[in-house]
Structures are given as structure tokens and as C-alpha cells.
């Protein structure tokens, strides 16, 4: 299994470092892309993950895709990867607050009903309230 992250900011970086440091997955099975090429290169060098050239590459090479871009960037990002996501149907994990599963699937297109999507932040918000 391969995990891919689209966006390598503070939150996704902490998640991926936790996955690696706790032995859940080796960095060789993790890939990522960030629009900031310096951040991408530094993160890959620091953790050993595979740096990829595009969002579409992450979607095509991953069984689980961590969606870690700013909420206002989701529509364009999902449109750019929708063909690969709809073909492969990886598990999508969203860390964007205020972005519903219905919206994510709408931005992916008409055939997104079969794509599994989990909102991680929503789950954390629920836990914080209990």
C-alpha cells in the first residue's frame, strides 16, 4: 500500500512524520507533492518519502491520498486529479475544515459516488467536543 499527500504543510507533515516515526509505514511507501518545490524537496530529504512532480502523479500512485491543501484550493486541485481518482478509487482523507464530503465528491465529478472519502478534521472536531 502507498500513501500519498497532496500538500505538505504543518498538519500533513505531522501526520506523515507520525506514520513514519511510529513504524506504521516506511517512507519508501509514501509519496507527496507540494506546489512549493522547496518545501517538497526539504520534506522529502528530511523524511525519505518520494517527491513527485504533480498532484496527478500522487493520485495515480497512491492507494490512500491525504488531501492537505487550503479549502479554497480544493475545487481546482480535485478537478486536476479527478480522472485518476475516479479510475483508481483510492481512499481520500481530507484535513480541510468546513469542506463537506458532498462538496469533495461534487468537485470530483459525476462518478465520485464510489470513491471512499473520510474527513479527518471533522472527526477530530467531534472528539474535541466530547
Protein backbone atom coordinates (compact mmCIF):
# COMPACT_ATOMS: atom_id res chain seq x y z
CA UNK A 1 0.00 0.00 0.00
CA UNK A 2 1.19 3.53 -0.79
CA UNK A 3 0.10 6.72 0.93
CA UNK A 4 0.33 9.98 -0.99
CA UNK A 5 -0.09 13.52 0.24
CA UNK A 6 -1.18 16.44 -1.88
CA UNK A 7 0.17 19.34 0.14
CA UNK A 8 2.97 19.05 2.69
CA UNK A 9 2.17 21.75 5.21
CA UNK A 10 2.29 21.62 9.00
CA UNK A 11 -0.70 19.33 9.50
CA UNK A 12 0.00 16.82 6.75
CA UNK A 13 3.70 16.89 7.64
CA UNK A 14 2.89 16.00 11.25
CA UNK A 15 0.60 13.17 10.13
CA UNK A 16 3.19 11.71 7.77
CA UNK A 17 6.01 12.05 10.31
CA UNK A 18 3.81 10.25 12.85
CA UNK A 19 3.13 7.44 10.38
CA UNK A 20 6.85 7.06 9.70
CA UNK A 21 8.20 7.59 13.23
CA UNK A 22 5.72 5.15 14.78
CA UNK A 23 6.59 2.45 12.25
CA UNK A 24 3.16 2.28 10.62
CA UNK A 25 4.69 2.66 7.17
CA UNK A 26 8.17 3.10 5.77
CA UNK A 27 8.96 6.30 3.89
CA UNK A 28 9.56 4.27 0.71
CA UNK A 29 5.80 3.67 0.60
CA UNK A 30 4.89 7.35 0.98
CA UNK A 31 4.90 9.97 -1.74
CA UNK A 32 3.91 13.59 -1.89
CA UNK A 33 3.60 16.77 -3.85
CA UNK A 34 3.52 20.40 -2.83
CA UNK A 35 3.25 23.45 -5.06
CA UNK A 36 6.18 24.91 -3.08
CA UNK A 37 9.05 22.93 -4.61
CA UNK A 38 11.49 23.98 -1.89
CA UNK A 39 9.13 22.68 0.80
CA UNK A 40 8.61 19.47 -1.19
CA UNK A 41 12.35 18.88 -1.62
CA UNK A 42 13.13 19.64 2.03
CA UNK A 43 10.35 17.37 3.32
CA UNK A 44 11.44 14.51 1.05
CA UNK A 45 15.08 14.88 2.10
CA UNK A 46 14.14 15.05 5.78
CA UNK A 47 11.75 12.08 5.80
CA UNK A 48 12.82 9.89 2.89
CA UNK A 49 9.45 9.99 1.12
CA UNK A 50 9.29 10.11 -2.67
CA UNK A 51 8.77 13.62 -4.06
CA UNK A 52 6.50 13.62 -7.11
CA UNK A 53 6.08 16.20 -9.85
CA UNK A 54 2.32 16.78 -9.65
CA UNK A 55 -0.97 16.22 -7.84
CA UNK A 56 -1.95 13.83 -10.62
CA UNK A 57 1.17 11.73 -10.02
CA UNK A 58 0.26 11.40 -6.33
CA UNK A 59 -3.30 10.35 -7.22
CA UNK A 60 -2.09 7.82 -9.79
CA UNK A 61 0.49 6.21 -7.48
CA UNK A 62 -1.40 6.09 -4.17
CA UNK A 63 -3.92 3.78 -2.53
CA UNK A 64 -4.63 6.39 0.14
CA UNK A 65 -4.48 10.10 -0.72
CA UNK A 66 -4.19 12.72 2.03
CA UNK A 67 -5.80 15.92 0.72
CA UNK A 68 -3.95 18.70 2.50
CA UNK A 69 -4.40 21.91 0.58
CA UNK A 70 -6.20 25.05 1.66
CA UNK A 71 -10.00 24.70 1.40
CA UNK A 72 -10.28 27.36 -1.33
CA UNK A 73 -7.79 25.35 -3.46
CA UNK A 74 -9.84 22.13 -3.34
CA UNK A 75 -12.07 22.66 -6.42
CA UNK A 76 -9.14 23.22 -8.81
CA UNK A 77 -6.96 20.56 -7.18
CA UNK A 78 -9.69 17.91 -7.33
CA UNK A 79 -10.53 18.81 -10.91
CA UNK A 80 -6.87 18.27 -11.82
CA UNK A 81 -6.81 14.76 -10.33
CA UNK A 82 -10.38 13.60 -10.91
CA UNK A 83 -9.60 11.27 -13.83
CA UNK A 84 -7.03 9.33 -11.80
CA UNK A 85 -9.19 9.29 -8.66
CA UNK A 86 -12.30 8.11 -10.50
CA UNK A 87 -10.32 5.39 -12.29
CA UNK A 88 -8.37 4.06 -9.27
CA UNK A 89 -10.79 4.97 -6.43
CA UNK A 90 -8.22 5.36 -3.64
CA UNK A 91 -9.30 6.23 -0.12
CA UNK A 92 -9.32 10.03 0.18
CA UNK A 93 -8.52 11.58 3.56
CA UNK A 94 -9.37 15.27 3.86
CA UNK A 95 -7.92 17.54 6.54
CA UNK A 96 -9.76 20.63 5.29
CA UNK A 97 -12.12 22.15 7.82
CA UNK A 98 -15.51 23.27 6.60
CA UNK A 99 -15.32 21.19 3.43
CA UNK A 100 -18.01 18.52 3.28
CA UNK A 101 -17.71 15.08 1.73
CA UNK A 102 -20.56 16.05 -0.61
CA UNK A 103 -18.55 19.06 -1.83
CA UNK A 104 -15.43 16.96 -2.35
CA UNK A 105 -17.38 14.45 -4.41
CA UNK A 106 -19.13 17.20 -6.37
CA UNK A 107 -15.75 18.68 -7.34
CA UNK A 108 -14.52 15.24 -8.44
CA UNK A 109 -17.42 14.81 -10.84
CA UNK A 110 -20.44 12.67 -11.58
CA UNK A 111 -18.85 9.26 -10.94
CA UNK A 112 -17.43 10.12 -7.50
CA UNK A 113 -20.10 8.20 -5.59
CA UNK A 114 -17.90 5.11 -5.34
CA UNK A 115 -14.82 6.98 -4.11
CA UNK A 116 -14.34 6.50 -0.34
CA UNK A 117 -13.81 9.81 1.47
CA UNK A 118 -13.07 10.45 5.16
CA UNK A 119 -12.94 13.89 6.76
CA UNK A 120 -10.23 13.58 9.41
CA UNK A 121 -10.66 17.09 10.81
CA UNK A 122 -14.38 16.60 11.30
CA UNK A 123 -13.63 13.51 13.36
CA UNK A 124 -11.11 15.45 15.44
CA UNK A 125 -13.64 18.26 15.96
CA UNK A 126 -16.15 15.72 17.28
CA UNK A 127 -13.56 14.20 19.63
CA UNK A 128 -12.57 17.63 20.94
CA UNK A 129 -16.19 18.35 21.88
CA UNK A 130 -16.58 15.13 23.90
